């Protein structure tokens, strides 16, 4: 296994996922809804699902992907 330099380690810790060009539905348990909402997730009342709006950093929502 290769040792990481400080720069490589920093790059991995600050990694940001690419935004999706379209919305992405996510599974958010009821207990997590306020956290997801605070991060920018939206609720679709018609489909009864949470989603990440288009062009938003998906890395913040890794827990629910």
C-alpha atoms as a PDB file:
ATOM      1  CA  UNK A   1       0.000   0.000   0.000  1.00  0.00           C
ATOM      2  CA  UNK A   2       1.366   3.409  -0.994  1.00  0.00           C
ATOM      3  CA  UNK A   3       1.778   6.065   1.690  1.00  0.00           C
ATOM      4  CA  UNK A   4      -0.078   9.292   1.004  1.00  0.00           C
ATOM      5  CA  UNK A   5       1.560  12.681   1.040  1.00  0.00           C
ATOM      6  CA  UNK A   6      -0.063  15.411   3.125  1.00  0.00           C
ATOM      7  CA  UNK A   7      -1.405  17.000  -0.064  1.00  0.00           C
ATOM      8  CA  UNK A   8      -2.946  13.730  -1.270  1.00  0.00           C
ATOM      9  CA  UNK A   9      -4.521  13.145   2.123  1.00  0.00           C
ATOM     10  CA  UNK A  10      -5.898  16.690   2.187  1.00  0.00           C
ATOM     11  CA  UNK A  11      -7.301  16.272  -1.327  1.00  0.00           C
ATOM     12  CA  UNK A  12      -9.122  13.102  -0.274  1.00  0.00           C
ATOM     13  CA  UNK A  13     -10.534  14.694   2.882  1.00  0.00           C
ATOM     14  CA  UNK A  14     -11.791  17.730   0.935  1.00  0.00           C
ATOM     15  CA  UNK A  15     -13.198  15.668  -1.942  1.00  0.00           C
ATOM     16  CA  UNK A  16     -16.433  16.990  -3.371  1.00  0.00           C
ATOM     17  CA  UNK A  17     -18.633  14.753  -5.458  1.00  0.00           C
ATOM     18  CA  UNK A  18     -19.628  16.022  -8.858  1.00  0.00           C
ATOM     19  CA  UNK A  19     -23.121  17.474  -8.999  1.00  0.00           C
ATOM     20  CA  UNK A  20     -25.695  15.427 -10.882  1.00  0.00           C
ATOM     21  CA  UNK A  21     -27.224  17.113 -13.946  1.00  0.00           C
ATOM     22  CA  UNK A  22     -30.684  16.058 -12.726  1.00  0.00           C
ATOM     23  CA  UNK A  23     -32.336  15.467  -9.390  1.00  0.00           C
ATOM     24  CA  UNK A  24     -31.402  12.333  -7.444  1.00  0.00           C
ATOM     25  CA  UNK A  25     -33.882  10.615  -5.125  1.00  0.00           C
ATOM     26  CA  UNK A  26     -32.490   9.582  -1.754  1.00  0.00           C
ATOM     27  CA  UNK A  27     -33.734   7.409   1.109  1.00  0.00           C
ATOM     28  CA  UNK A  28     -33.899   9.509   4.246  1.00  0.00           C
ATOM     29  CA  UNK A  29     -35.274   7.916   7.418  1.00  0.00           C
ATOM     30  CA  UNK A  30     -37.787  10.068   9.274  1.00  0.00           C
ATOM     31  CA  UNK A  31     -35.292  10.559  12.103  1.00  0.00           C
ATOM     32  CA  UNK A  32     -32.823  12.176   9.645  1.00  0.00           C
ATOM     33  CA  UNK A  33     -35.247  14.445   7.802  1.00  0.00           C
ATOM     34  CA  UNK A  34     -34.188  17.684   9.513  1.00  0.00           C
ATOM     35  CA  UNK A  35     -30.517  16.949   8.831  1.00  0.00           C
ATOM     36  CA  UNK A  36     -31.191  16.221   5.148  1.00  0.00           C
ATOM     37  CA  UNK A  37     -33.334  19.346   4.866  1.00  0.00           C
ATOM     38  CA  UNK A  38     -30.584  21.491   6.445  1.00  0.00           C
ATOM     39  CA  UNK A  39     -28.122  20.182   3.849  1.00  0.00           C
ATOM     40  CA  UNK A  40     -30.453  21.192   1.012  1.00  0.00           C
ATOM     41  CA  UNK A  41     -32.485  18.060   0.294  1.00  0.00           C
ATOM     42  CA  UNK A  42     -36.055  18.660  -0.860  1.00  0.00           C
ATOM     43  CA  UNK A  43     -39.251  16.702  -0.177  1.00  0.00           C
ATOM     44  CA  UNK A  44     -41.447  15.686  -3.110  1.00  0.00           C
ATOM     45  CA  UNK A  45     -44.916  15.359  -1.599  1.00  0.00           C
ATOM     46  CA  UNK A  46     -46.392  13.800  -4.726  1.00  0.00           C
ATOM     47  CA  UNK A  47     -43.821  10.992  -4.927  1.00  0.00           C
ATOM     48  CA  UNK A  48     -43.326  10.970  -1.149  1.00  0.00           C
ATOM     49  CA  UNK A  49     -39.536  10.938  -1.429  1.00  0.00           C
ATOM     50  CA  UNK A  50     -36.565  13.131  -0.588  1.00  0.00           C
ATOM     51  CA  UNK A  51     -34.274  14.238  -3.401  1.00  0.00           C
ATOM     52  CA  UNK A  52     -31.098  16.166  -4.085  1.00  0.00           C
ATOM     53  CA  UNK A  53     -31.815  19.058  -6.468  1.00  0.00           C
ATOM     54  CA  UNK A  54     -29.958  19.145  -9.790  1.00  0.00           C
ATOM     55  CA  UNK A  55     -26.419  20.542  -9.765  1.00  0.00           C
ATOM     56  CA  UNK A  56     -25.991  20.184  -5.993  1.00  0.00           C
ATOM     57  CA  UNK A  57     -22.929  18.524  -4.416  1.00  0.00           C
ATOM     58  CA  UNK A  58     -24.002  14.934  -3.766  1.00  0.00           C
ATOM     59  CA  UNK A  59     -21.115  14.267  -1.387  1.00  0.00           C
ATOM     60  CA  UNK A  60     -23.041  15.810   1.499  1.00  0.00           C
ATOM     61  CA  UNK A  61     -25.773  13.200   1.033  1.00  0.00           C
ATOM     62  CA  UNK A  62     -23.528  10.119   0.829  1.00  0.00           C
ATOM     63  CA  UNK A  63     -25.224   8.664   3.912  1.00  0.00           C
ATOM     64  CA  UNK A  64     -28.558   8.361   2.089  1.00  0.00           C
ATOM     65  CA  UNK A  65     -27.466   7.407  -1.441  1.00  0.00           C
END
